[in-house]
Amino acid sequence: MQALKRAGERFNVAGEIFAFLWQRKLWWMMPMVFVILVVGMLLVLAQGSAIAPFIYTLF
């Protein structure tokens, strides 16, 4: 249960970014921010795993 709370706190930052963009009506930036966050999460999660060689071929 603690792990879920910590994960929720980490994703809170992403939620705040999207709320800020929504409030300021910067909808055109949302896809860019989403892609950057997804690529960042992919790199962090794949670090040191068996998936890493396949991800390196993407870049």
Foldseek 3Di string as FASTA:
>chain_A
DVVVVVVVVVCVVVVVVVVVCVVVVVVVCVVVSVVVVVVVVVCVVCPPHPCVVVVVVVD
